[in-house]
């Protein structure tokens, strides 16, 4: 990593952007989810065990907004699952300047899932490892690696984390 040269305004903008990402999912505005990414951005969910072992196989992989949009359309129109909602709790992101002026961000997360009948449970916990590009002073995710702490994955992983 290069020397950290991220200004206060940019830090606040990125912090708000990462919060907006979680709020869009929690509020069911999933059609907005791909717009948080660069057009060729990638999204990957992987277990910590595989991540630390350098094993590339993940649970979910999307490359580009088109693939992400297709996932949301399939979820809305084709997939059958019990209705539920998420509530993300995010840590303050750690930001550092990376290669090519991109920003590397690490945030820890906890996702609480609330089922239609009111049952509430811890659904997922882990960390987001993001590469963020600033385009016209607006952040876009070039890469988001969602590293899950547990190897046990609930089959009801239909919404993005």
Protein backbone atom coordinates (compact mmCIF):
# COMPACT_ATOMS: atom_id res chain seq x y z
CA UNK A 1 0.00 0.00 0.00
CA UNK A 2 1.11 3.50 -0.72
CA UNK A 3 1.05 6.31 1.78
CA UNK A 4 -2.51 6.99 2.88
CA UNK A 5 -3.58 10.19 1.11
CA UNK A 6 -7.35 9.97 1.34
CA UNK A 7 -8.90 13.32 2.23
CA UNK A 8 -11.62 13.86 4.81
CA UNK A 9 -14.36 14.59 2.22
CA UNK A 10 -13.48 11.49 0.23
CA UNK A 11 -13.49 9.38 3.42
CA UNK A 12 -16.97 10.59 4.33
CA UNK A 13 -18.20 10.04 0.77
CA UNK A 14 -16.91 6.44 0.80
CA UNK A 15 -18.27 5.76 4.28
CA UNK A 16 -21.72 7.01 3.23
CA UNK A 17 -21.48 5.00 -0.01
CA UNK A 18 -20.79 1.76 1.88
CA UNK A 19 -23.68 2.48 4.25
CA UNK A 20 -25.97 3.23 1.27
CA UNK A 21 -25.00 -0.15 -0.23
CA UNK A 22 -26.17 -1.96 2.91
CA UNK A 23 -29.31 0.16 3.21
CA UNK A 24 -30.33 -0.58 -0.40
CA UNK A 25 -30.20 -4.31 0.34
CA UNK A 26 -31.87 -4.00 3.75
CA UNK A 27 -34.65 -1.84 2.26
CA UNK A 28 -35.32 -4.35 -0.54
CA UNK A 29 -34.08 -2.00 -3.27
CA UNK A 30 -32.12 -4.79 -4.90
CA UNK A 31 -32.42 -3.40 -8.42
CA UNK A 32 -30.04 -0.63 -7.27
CA UNK A 33 -27.42 -3.13 -6.09
CA UNK A 34 -25.53 -3.42 -9.44
CA UNK A 35 -25.21 0.38 -9.64
CA UNK A 36 -22.83 0.37 -6.67
CA UNK A 37 -20.30 -1.40 -8.91
CA UNK A 38 -18.20 -0.25 -11.84
CA UNK A 39 -19.63 -1.60 -15.12
CA UNK A 40 -17.00 -4.38 -15.12
CA UNK A 41 -16.93 -4.76 -11.33
CA UNK A 42 -16.82 -8.13 -9.62
CA UNK A 43 -18.61 -9.52 -6.59
CA UNK A 44 -17.52 -12.70 -4.86
CA UNK A 45 -18.62 -14.53 -1.71
CA UNK A 46 -16.04 -16.93 -0.28
CA UNK A 47 -15.42 -18.62 3.05
CA UNK A 48 -12.51 -17.45 5.19
CA UNK A 49 -11.03 -20.94 5.01
CA UNK A 50 -10.86 -20.86 1.19
CA UNK A 51 -9.75 -17.22 1.13
CA UNK A 52 -6.83 -17.82 3.51
CA UNK A 53 -5.81 -20.98 1.65
CA UNK A 54 -5.73 -19.03 -1.62
CA UNK A 55 -8.43 -21.25 -3.10
CA UNK A 56 -10.39 -19.24 -5.66
CA UNK A 57 -13.60 -21.27 -5.49
CA UNK A 58 -16.31 -19.20 -3.90
CA UNK A 59 -19.98 -19.55 -3.11
CA UNK A 60 -21.10 -16.87 -5.55
CA UNK A 61 -19.37 -14.93 -8.30
CA UNK A 62 -20.71 -12.11 -10.47
CA UNK A 63 -18.66 -10.32 -13.10
CA UNK A 64 -20.11 -7.07 -14.40
CA UNK A 65 -23.36 -5.25 -13.77
CA UNK A 66 -25.18 -7.37 -16.34
CA UNK A 67 -24.55 -10.57 -14.40
CA UNK A 68 -25.58 -8.84 -11.17
CA UNK A 69 -28.78 -7.52 -12.74
CA UNK A 70 -29.58 -11.00 -14.10
CA UNK A 71 -29.22 -12.39 -10.59
CA UNK A 72 -31.75 -9.88 -9.25
CA UNK A 73 -34.20 -10.55 -12.11
CA UNK A 74 -33.94 -14.31 -11.50
CA UNK A 75 -34.44 -13.77 -7.78
CA UNK A 76 -37.55 -11.64 -8.36
CA UNK A 77 -39.11 -13.72 -11.15
CA UNK A 78 -37.88 -17.32 -11.02
CA UNK A 79 -36.55 -18.24 -7.61
CA UNK A 80 -38.89 -19.48 -4.92
CA UNK A 81 -37.89 -18.74 -1.34
CA UNK A 82 -39.40 -17.73 1.96
CA UNK A 83 -39.71 -13.93 2.19
CA UNK A 84 -37.23 -12.37 4.59
CA UNK A 85 -35.27 -9.18 5.22
CA UNK A 86 -31.70 -8.34 6.17
CA UNK A 87 -30.34 -5.84 8.63
CA UNK A 88 -26.63 -5.06 8.08
CA UNK A 89 -24.43 -3.81 10.88
CA UNK A 90 -21.14 -2.43 9.53
CA UNK A 91 -17.90 -1.45 11.17
CA UNK A 92 -16.16 1.77 10.33
CA UNK A 93 -14.22 1.04 7.13
CA UNK A 94 -10.44 1.05 7.12
CA UNK A 95 -9.40 2.94 3.98
CA UNK A 96 -6.02 2.98 2.29
CA UNK A 97 -4.78 4.20 -1.06
CA UNK A 98 -4.02 1.28 -3.33
CA UNK A 99 -2.60 0.81 -6.80
CA UNK A 100 -3.61 3.19 -9.60
CA UNK A 101 -5.19 5.56 -7.09
CA UNK A 102 -7.87 3.02 -6.20
CA UNK A 103 -8.97 2.84 -2.59
CA UNK A 104 -8.77 -0.37 -0.60
CA UNK A 105 -11.46 -0.67 2.05
CA UNK A 106 -12.05 -3.28 4.72
CA UNK A 107 -15.27 -3.34 6.71
CA UNK A 108 -16.50 -6.00 9.09
CA UNK A 109 -20.17 -6.90 8.84
CA UNK A 110 -22.92 -8.73 10.65
CA UNK A 111 -26.14 -9.55 8.81
CA UNK A 112 -29.26 -10.27 10.83
CA UNK A 113 -32.04 -12.05 8.95
CA UNK A 114 -35.69 -11.53 9.86
CA UNK A 115 -38.13 -14.07 8.49
CA UNK A 116 -41.74 -13.31 7.57
CA UNK A 117 -42.97 -14.92 10.80
CA UNK A 118 -40.67 -12.66 12.86
CA UNK A 119 -37.94 -15.19 13.63
CA UNK A 120 -34.64 -13.33 13.85
CA UNK A 121 -31.17 -14.84 13.60
CA UNK A 122 -27.57 -14.04 12.87
CA UNK A 123 -27.33 -14.95 9.19
CA UNK A 124 -23.79 -14.04 8.18
CA UNK A 125 -20.69 -12.43 9.63
CA UNK A 126 -17.41 -11.59 8.03
CA UNK A 127 -15.57 -8.85 6.22
CA UNK A 128 -15.86 -6.91 2.99
CA UNK A 129 -12.60 -6.44 1.10
CA UNK A 130 -13.27 -3.73 -1.47
CA UNK A 131 -11.38 -2.04 -4.23
CA UNK A 132 -13.09 1.28 -4.90
CA UNK A 133 -12.51 3.66 -7.80
CA UNK A 134 -13.51 7.30 -7.68
CA UNK A 135 -15.27 8.38 -10.90
CA UNK A 136 -16.18 12.06 -11.04
CA UNK A 137 -15.92 12.20 -7.24
CA UNK A 138 -18.34 9.25 -6.92
CA UNK A 139 -17.20 5.90 -5.53
CA UNK A 140 -17.80 2.69 -7.46
CA UNK A 141 -16.82 -0.80 -6.37
CA UNK A 142 -14.35 -2.42 -8.75
CA UNK A 143 -14.15 -5.56 -6.64
CA UNK A 144 -15.96 -6.73 -3.54
CA UNK A 145 -14.82 -9.93 -1.87
CA UNK A 146 -17.22 -11.00 0.86
CA UNK A 147 -15.26 -13.23 3.23
CA UNK A 148 -17.58 -15.27 5.44
CA UNK A 149 -16.29 -16.39 8.82
CA UNK A 150 -18.19 -19.67 8.73
CA UNK A 151 -17.97 -22.62 6.36
CA UNK A 152 -21.64 -23.33 6.99
CA UNK A 153 -23.72 -21.53 4.39
CA UNK A 154 -27.49 -21.26 4.66
CA UNK A 155 -29.25 -22.40 1.51
CA UNK A 156 -31.38 -19.26 1.72
CA UNK A 157 -28.53 -17.06 0.47
CA UNK A 158 -30.54 -15.35 -2.25
CA UNK A 159 -30.00 -11.65 -1.52
CA UNK A 160 -26.57 -10.10 -1.93
CA UNK A 161 -24.66 -9.59 1.29
